[in-house]
């Protein structure tokens, strides 16, 4: 269970979807700042939530990392 309060309303599947899209955007030469902004707009979340999802995905080695 995540300890991040800001993303508790998002299911784990939804957070994983956002994380995958974020990593994909960065793999295609988009800057970290640009990709966070794009994901916030695309998924209707704020950039802080994107950062928390990014951290969670990296810590837990979500696909495509693990």
PDB file of N, CA and C in Angstrom:
ATOM      1  N   UNK A   1       0.846  -1.191   0.000  1.00  0.00           N
ATOM      2  CA  UNK A   1       0.000   0.000   0.000  1.00  0.00           C
ATOM      3  C   UNK A   1       0.885   1.245   0.000  1.00  0.00           C
ATOM      4  N   UNK A   2       0.507   2.202  -0.771  1.00  0.00           N
ATOM      5  CA  UNK A   2       1.311   3.416  -0.892  1.00  0.00           C
ATOM      6  C   UNK A   2       1.113   4.328   0.306  1.00  0.00           C
ATOM      7  N   UNK A   3       2.152   5.058   0.617  1.00  0.00           N
ATOM      8  CA  UNK A   3       2.049   6.017   1.717  1.00  0.00           C
ATOM      9  C   UNK A   3       1.825   7.434   1.209  1.00  0.00           C
ATOM     10  N   UNK A   4       1.645   7.575  -0.094  1.00  0.00           N
ATOM     11  CA  UNK A   4       1.477   8.890  -0.705  1.00  0.00           C
ATOM     12  C   UNK A   4       0.002   9.296  -0.681  1.00  0.00           C
ATOM     13  N   UNK A   5      -0.316  10.285   0.117  1.00  0.00           N
ATOM     14  CA  UNK A   5      -1.703  10.701   0.279  1.00  0.00           C
ATOM     15  C   UNK A   5      -2.292  11.300  -0.997  1.00  0.00           C
ATOM     16  N   UNK A   6      -1.495  12.028  -1.764  1.00  0.00           N
ATOM     17  CA  UNK A   6      -2.017  12.745  -2.931  1.00  0.00           C
ATOM     18  C   UNK A   6      -2.526  11.820  -4.020  1.00  0.00           C
ATOM     19  N   UNK A   7      -2.012  10.582  -4.092  1.00  0.00           N
ATOM     20  CA  UNK A   7      -2.446   9.715  -5.186  1.00  0.00           C
ATOM     21  C   UNK A   7      -3.334   8.563  -4.721  1.00  0.00           C
ATOM     22  N   UNK A   8      -3.832   8.632  -3.475  1.00  0.00           N
ATOM     23  CA  UNK A   8      -4.664   7.549  -2.967  1.00  0.00           C
ATOM     24  C   UNK A   8      -5.975   7.407  -3.729  1.00  0.00           C
ATOM     25  N   UNK A   9      -6.483   8.468  -4.323  1.00  0.00           N
ATOM     26  CA  UNK A   9      -7.731   8.357  -5.053  1.00  0.00           C
ATOM     27  C   UNK A   9      -7.549   7.680  -6.409  1.00  0.00           C
ATOM     28  N   UNK A  10      -6.292   7.538  -6.855  1.00  0.00           N
ATOM     29  CA  UNK A  10      -6.008   6.861  -8.115  1.00  0.00           C
ATOM     30  C   UNK A  10      -5.688   5.398  -7.835  1.00  0.00           C
ATOM     31  N   UNK A  11      -6.289   4.510  -8.608  1.00  0.00           N
ATOM     32  CA  UNK A  11      -5.997   3.095  -8.422  1.00  0.00           C
ATOM     33  C   UNK A  11      -4.546   2.814  -8.801  1.00  0.00           C
ATOM     34  N   UNK A  12      -4.038   1.704  -8.318  1.00  0.00           N
ATOM     35  CA  UNK A  12      -2.669   1.331  -8.675  1.00  0.00           C
ATOM     36  C   UNK A  12      -2.543   1.140 -10.183  1.00  0.00           C
ATOM     37  N   UNK A  13      -3.553   0.553 -10.814  1.00  0.00           N
ATOM     38  CA  UNK A  13      -3.510   0.381 -12.269  1.00  0.00           C
ATOM     39  C   UNK A  13      -3.410   1.726 -12.984  1.00  0.00           C
ATOM     40  N   UNK A  14      -4.157   2.707 -12.504  1.00  0.00           N
ATOM     41  CA  UNK A  14      -4.118   4.044 -13.116  1.00  0.00           C
ATOM     42  C   UNK A  14      -2.748   4.691 -12.905  1.00  0.00           C
ATOM     43  N   UNK A  15      -2.192   4.557 -11.700  1.00  0.00           N
ATOM     44  CA  UNK A  15      -0.860   5.112 -11.439  1.00  0.00           C
ATOM     45  C   UNK A  15       0.185   4.440 -12.313  1.00  0.00           C
ATOM     46  N   UNK A  16       0.068   3.129 -12.493  1.00  0.00           N
ATOM     47  CA  UNK A  16       1.008   2.409 -13.363  1.00  0.00           C
ATOM     48  C   UNK A  16       0.877   2.878 -14.809  1.00  0.00           C
ATOM     49  N   UNK A  17      -0.340   3.150 -15.243  1.00  0.00           N
ATOM     50  CA  UNK A  17      -0.573   3.654 -16.600  1.00  0.00           C
ATOM     51  C   UNK A  17       0.112   5.019 -16.786  1.00  0.00           C
ATOM     52  N   UNK A  18      -0.039   5.881 -15.801  1.00  0.00           N
ATOM     53  CA  UNK A  18       0.597   7.204 -15.860  1.00  0.00           C
ATOM     54  C   UNK A  18       2.111   7.053 -15.853  1.00  0.00           C
ATOM     55  N   UNK A  19       2.631   6.176 -15.009  1.00  0.00           N
ATOM     56  CA  UNK A  19       4.073   5.962 -14.934  1.00  0.00           C
ATOM     57  C   UNK A  19       4.622   5.457 -16.261  1.00  0.00           C
ATOM     58  N   UNK A  20       3.965   4.495 -16.863  1.00  0.00           N
ATOM     59  CA  UNK A  20       4.402   3.952 -18.143  1.00  0.00           C
ATOM     60  C   UNK A  20       4.425   5.037 -19.215  1.00  0.00           C
ATOM     61  N   UNK A  21       3.384   5.848 -19.268  1.00  0.00           N
ATOM     62  CA  UNK A  21       3.328   6.934 -20.247  1.00  0.00           C
ATOM     63  C   UNK A  21       4.427   7.961 -19.989  1.00  0.00           C
ATOM     64  N   UNK A  22       4.710   8.226 -18.731  1.00  0.00           N
ATOM     65  CA  UNK A  22       5.761   9.171 -18.352  1.00  0.00           C
ATOM     66  C   UNK A  22       7.130   8.675 -18.806  1.00  0.00           C
ATOM     67  N   UNK A  23       7.428   7.425 -18.519  1.00  0.00           N
ATOM     68  CA  UNK A  23       8.716   6.845 -18.922  1.00  0.00           C
ATOM     69  C   UNK A  23       8.829   6.827 -20.444  1.00  0.00           C
ATOM     70  N   UNK A  24       7.750   6.463 -21.109  1.00  0.00           N
ATOM     71  CA  UNK A  24       7.757   6.431 -22.573  1.00  0.00           C
ATOM     72  C   UNK A  24       8.039   7.815 -23.148  1.00  0.00           C
ATOM     73  N   UNK A  25       7.418   8.839 -22.603  1.00  0.00           N
ATOM     74  CA  UNK A  25       7.645  10.212 -23.077  1.00  0.00           C
ATOM     75  C   UNK A  25       9.106  10.610 -22.884  1.00  0.00           C
ATOM     76  N   UNK A  26       9.669  10.255 -21.731  1.00  0.00           N
ATOM     77  CA  UNK A  26      11.068  10.598 -21.463  1.00  0.00           C
ATOM     78  C   UNK A  26      12.013   9.800 -22.354  1.00  0.00           C
ATOM     79  N   UNK A  27      11.648   8.571 -22.686  1.00  0.00           N
ATOM     80  CA  UNK A  27      12.459   7.752 -23.589  1.00  0.00           C
ATOM     81  C   UNK A  27      12.468   8.299 -25.009  1.00  0.00           C
ATOM     82  N   UNK A  28      11.450   9.084 -25.318  1.00  0.00           N
ATOM     83  CA  UNK A  28      11.353   9.678 -26.660  1.00  0.00           C
ATOM     84  C   UNK A  28      11.806  11.132 -26.651  1.00  0.00           C
ATOM     85  N   UNK A  29      12.838  11.396 -25.866  1.00  0.00           N
ATOM     86  CA  UNK A  29      13.555  12.663 -25.851  1.00  0.00           C
ATOM     87  C   UNK A  29      12.757  13.860 -25.353  1.00  0.00           C
ATOM     88  N   UNK A  30      11.739  13.603 -24.568  1.00  0.00           N
ATOM     89  CA  UNK A  30      11.021  14.697 -23.923  1.00  0.00           C
ATOM     90  C   UNK A  30      11.698  14.939 -22.581  1.00  0.00           C
ATOM     91  N   UNK A  31      11.860  16.183 -22.200  1.00  0.00           N
ATOM     92  CA  UNK A  31      12.495  16.472 -20.915  1.00  0.00           C
ATOM     93  C   UNK A  31      11.605  16.002 -19.771  1.00  0.00           C
ATOM     94  N   UNK A  32      12.200  15.844 -18.604  1.00  0.00           N
ATOM     95  CA  UNK A  32      11.451  15.430 -17.418  1.00  0.00           C
ATOM     96  C   UNK A  32      10.336  16.424 -17.125  1.00  0.00           C
ATOM     97  N   UNK A  33      10.660  17.712 -17.155  1.00  0.00           N
ATOM     98  CA  UNK A  33       9.652  18.747 -16.872  1.00  0.00           C
ATOM     99  C   UNK A  33       8.520  18.713 -17.896  1.00  0.00           C
ATOM    100  N   UNK A  34       8.869  18.579 -19.160  1.00  0.00           N
ATOM    101  CA  UNK A  34       7.843  18.532 -20.209  1.00  0.00           C
ATOM    102  C   UNK A  34       6.953  17.300 -20.045  1.00  0.00           C
ATOM    103  N   UNK A  35       7.585  16.158 -19.761  1.00  0.00           N
ATOM    104  CA  UNK A  35       6.802  14.924 -19.640  1.00  0.00           C
ATOM    105  C   UNK A  35       5.866  14.973 -18.430  1.00  0.00           C
ATOM    106  N   UNK A  36       6.332  15.549 -17.331  1.00  0.00           N
ATOM    107  CA  UNK A  36       5.457  15.679 -16.156  1.00  0.00           C
ATOM    108  C   UNK A  36       4.265  16.574 -16.464  1.00  0.00           C
ATOM    109  N   UNK A  37       4.526  17.676 -17.141  1.00  0.00           N
ATOM    110  CA  UNK A  37       3.450  18.599 -17.509  1.00  0.00           C
ATOM    111  C   UNK A  37       2.454  17.920 -18.433  1.00  0.00           C
ATOM    112  N   UNK A  38       2.955  17.197 -19.437  1.00  0.00           N
ATOM    113  CA  UNK A  38       2.086  16.513 -20.385  1.00  0.00           C
ATOM    114  C   UNK A  38       1.224  15.455 -19.691  1.00  0.00           C
ATOM    115  N   UNK A  39       1.819  14.681 -18.804  1.00  0.00           N
ATOM    116  CA  UNK A  39       1.057  13.636 -18.105  1.00  0.00           C
ATOM    117  C   UNK A  39       0.004  14.245 -17.189  1.00  0.00           C
ATOM    118  N   UNK A  40       0.334  15.345 -16.548  1.00  0.00           N
ATOM    119  CA  UNK A  40      -0.650  16.026 -15.700  1.00  0.00           C
ATOM    120  C   UNK A  40      -1.866  16.440 -16.529  1.00  0.00           C
ATOM    121  N   UNK A  41      -1.597  17.023 -17.701  1.00  0.00           N
ATOM    122  CA  UNK A  41      -2.693  17.442 -18.573  1.00  0.00           C
ATOM    123  C   UNK A  41      -3.451  16.244 -19.132  1.00  0.00           C
ATOM    124  N   UNK A  42      -2.711  15.258 -19.589  1.00  0.00           N
ATOM    125  CA  UNK A  42      -3.319  14.094 -20.253  1.00  0.00           C
ATOM    126  C   UNK A  42      -4.201  13.280 -19.312  1.00  0.00           C
ATOM    127  N   UNK A  43      -3.761  13.134 -18.053  1.00  0.00           N
ATOM    128  CA  UNK A  43      -4.486  12.278 -17.120  1.00  0.00           C
ATOM    129  C   UNK A  43      -5.311  13.044 -16.101  1.00  0.00           C
ATOM    130  N   UNK A  44      -5.317  14.375 -16.180  1.00  0.00           N
ATOM    131  CA  UNK A  44      -6.147  15.174 -15.293  1.00  0.00           C
ATOM    132  C   UNK A  44      -5.708  15.145 -13.839  1.00  0.00           C
ATOM    133  N   UNK A  45      -4.389  15.105 -13.641  1.00  0.00           N
ATOM    134  CA  UNK A  45      -3.827  15.151 -12.294  1.00  0.00           C
ATOM    135  C   UNK A  45      -2.894  16.351 -12.215  1.00  0.00           C
ATOM    136  N   UNK A  46      -2.405  16.663 -11.021  1.00  0.00           N
ATOM    137  CA  UNK A  46      -1.468  17.780 -10.936  1.00  0.00           C
ATOM    138  C   UNK A  46      -0.029  17.258 -11.004  1.00  0.00           C
ATOM    139  N   UNK A  47       0.903  18.172 -11.218  1.00  0.00           N
ATOM    140  CA  UNK A  47       2.293  17.755 -11.393  1.00  0.00           C
ATOM    141  C   UNK A  47       2.876  17.132 -10.133  1.00  0.00           C
ATOM    142  N   UNK A  48       2.405  17.541  -8.965  1.00  0.00           N
ATOM    143  CA  UNK A  48       2.870  16.915  -7.728  1.00  0.00           C
ATOM    144  C   UNK A  48       2.466  15.442  -7.693  1.00  0.00           C
ATOM    145  N   UNK A  49       1.259  15.140  -8.122  1.00  0.00           N
ATOM    146  CA  UNK A  49       0.825  13.744  -8.186  1.00  0.00           C
ATOM    147  C   UNK A  49       1.706  12.959  -9.154  1.00  0.00           C
ATOM    148  N   UNK A  50       2.032  13.572 -10.284  1.00  0.00           N
ATOM    149  CA  UNK A  50       2.898  12.899 -11.258  1.00  0.00           C
ATOM    150  C   UNK A  50       4.253  12.592 -10.627  1.00  0.00           C
ATOM    151  N   UNK A  51       4.802  13.540  -9.899  1.00  0.00           N
ATOM    152  CA  UNK A  51       6.088  13.312  -9.221  1.00  0.00           C
ATOM    153  C   UNK A  51       5.997  12.156  -8.220  1.00  0.00           C
ATOM    154  N   UNK A  52       4.912  12.115  -7.460  1.00  0.00           N
ATOM    155  CA  UNK A  52       4.729  11.031  -6.490  1.00  0.00           C
ATOM    156  C   UNK A  52       4.598   9.680  -7.187  1.00  0.00           C
ATOM    157  N   UNK A  53       3.868   9.656  -8.287  1.00  0.00           N
ATOM    158  CA  UNK A  53       3.706   8.427  -9.069  1.00  0.00           C
ATOM    159  C   UNK A  53       5.054   8.012  -9.658  1.00  0.00           C
ATOM    160  N   UNK A  54       5.801   8.987 -10.135  1.00  0.00           N
ATOM    161  CA  UNK A  54       7.125   8.714 -10.694  1.00  0.00           C
ATOM    162  C   UNK A  54       8.026   8.076  -9.629  1.00  0.00           C
ATOM    163  N   UNK A  55       8.033   8.644  -8.447  1.00  0.00           N
ATOM    164  CA  UNK A  55       8.855   8.112  -7.351  1.00  0.00           C
ATOM    165  C   UNK A  55       8.401   6.702  -6.973  1.00  0.00           C
ATOM    166  N   UNK A  56       7.089   6.519  -6.844  1.00  0.00           N
ATOM    167  CA  UNK A  56       6.550   5.212  -6.476  1.00  0.00           C
ATOM    168  C   UNK A  56       6.921   4.164  -7.522  1.00  0.00           C
ATOM    169  N   UNK A  57       6.767   4.509  -8.779  1.00  0.00           N
ATOM    170  CA  UNK A  57       7.090   3.577  -9.857  1.00  0.00           C
ATOM    171  C   UNK A  57       8.557   3.198  -9.885  1.00  0.00           C
ATOM    172  N   UNK A  58       9.418   4.159  -9.609  1.00  0.00           N
ATOM    173  CA  UNK A  58      10.848   3.875  -9.576  1.00  0.00           C
ATOM    174  C   UNK A  58      11.201   3.000  -8.374  1.00  0.00           C
ATOM    175  N   UNK A  59      10.622   3.309  -7.218  1.00  0.00           N
ATOM    176  CA  UNK A  59      10.905   2.528  -6.009  1.00  0.00           C
ATOM    177  C   UNK A  59      10.440   1.082  -6.145  1.00  0.00           C
ATOM    178  N   UNK A  60       9.285   0.902  -6.771  1.00  0.00           N
ATOM    179  CA  UNK A  60       8.693  -0.440  -6.897  1.00  0.00           C
ATOM    180  C   UNK A  60       9.039  -1.129  -8.206  1.00  0.00           C
ATOM    181  N   UNK A  61       9.841  -0.453  -9.035  1.00  0.00           N
ATOM    182  CA  UNK A  61      10.283  -1.020 -10.320  1.00  0.00           C
ATOM    183  C   UNK A  61       9.116  -1.471 -11.200  1.00  0.00           C
ATOM    184  N   UNK A  62       8.138  -0.571 -11.344  1.00  0.00           N
ATOM    185  CA  UNK A  62       6.998  -0.860 -12.209  1.00  0.00           C
ATOM    186  C   UNK A  62       7.464  -0.950 -13.659  1.00  0.00           C
ATOM    187  N   UNK A  63       6.716  -1.688 -14.487  1.00  0.00           N
ATOM    188  CA  UNK A  63       7.027  -1.710 -15.916  1.00  0.00           C
ATOM    189  C   UNK A  63       6.998  -0.299 -16.479  1.00  0.00           C
ATOM    190  N   UNK A  64       7.889  -0.014 -17.340  1.00  0.00           N
ATOM    191  CA  UNK A  64       8.808  -0.910 -18.057  1.00  0.00           C
ATOM    192  C   UNK A  64      10.131  -1.138 -17.341  1.00  0.00           C
ATOM    193  N   UNK A  65      10.286  -0.697 -16.102  1.00  0.00           N
ATOM    194  CA  UNK A  65      11.573  -0.834 -15.417  1.00  0.00           C
ATOM    195  C   UNK A  65      11.871  -2.250 -14.954  1.00  0.00           C
ATOM    196  N   UNK A  66      10.850  -2.934 -14.482  1.00  0.00           N
ATOM    197  CA  UNK A  66      11.096  -4.261 -13.910  1.00  0.00           C
ATOM    198  C   UNK A  66      10.210  -5.313 -14.459  1.00  0.00           C
TER     199      UNK A  66
END
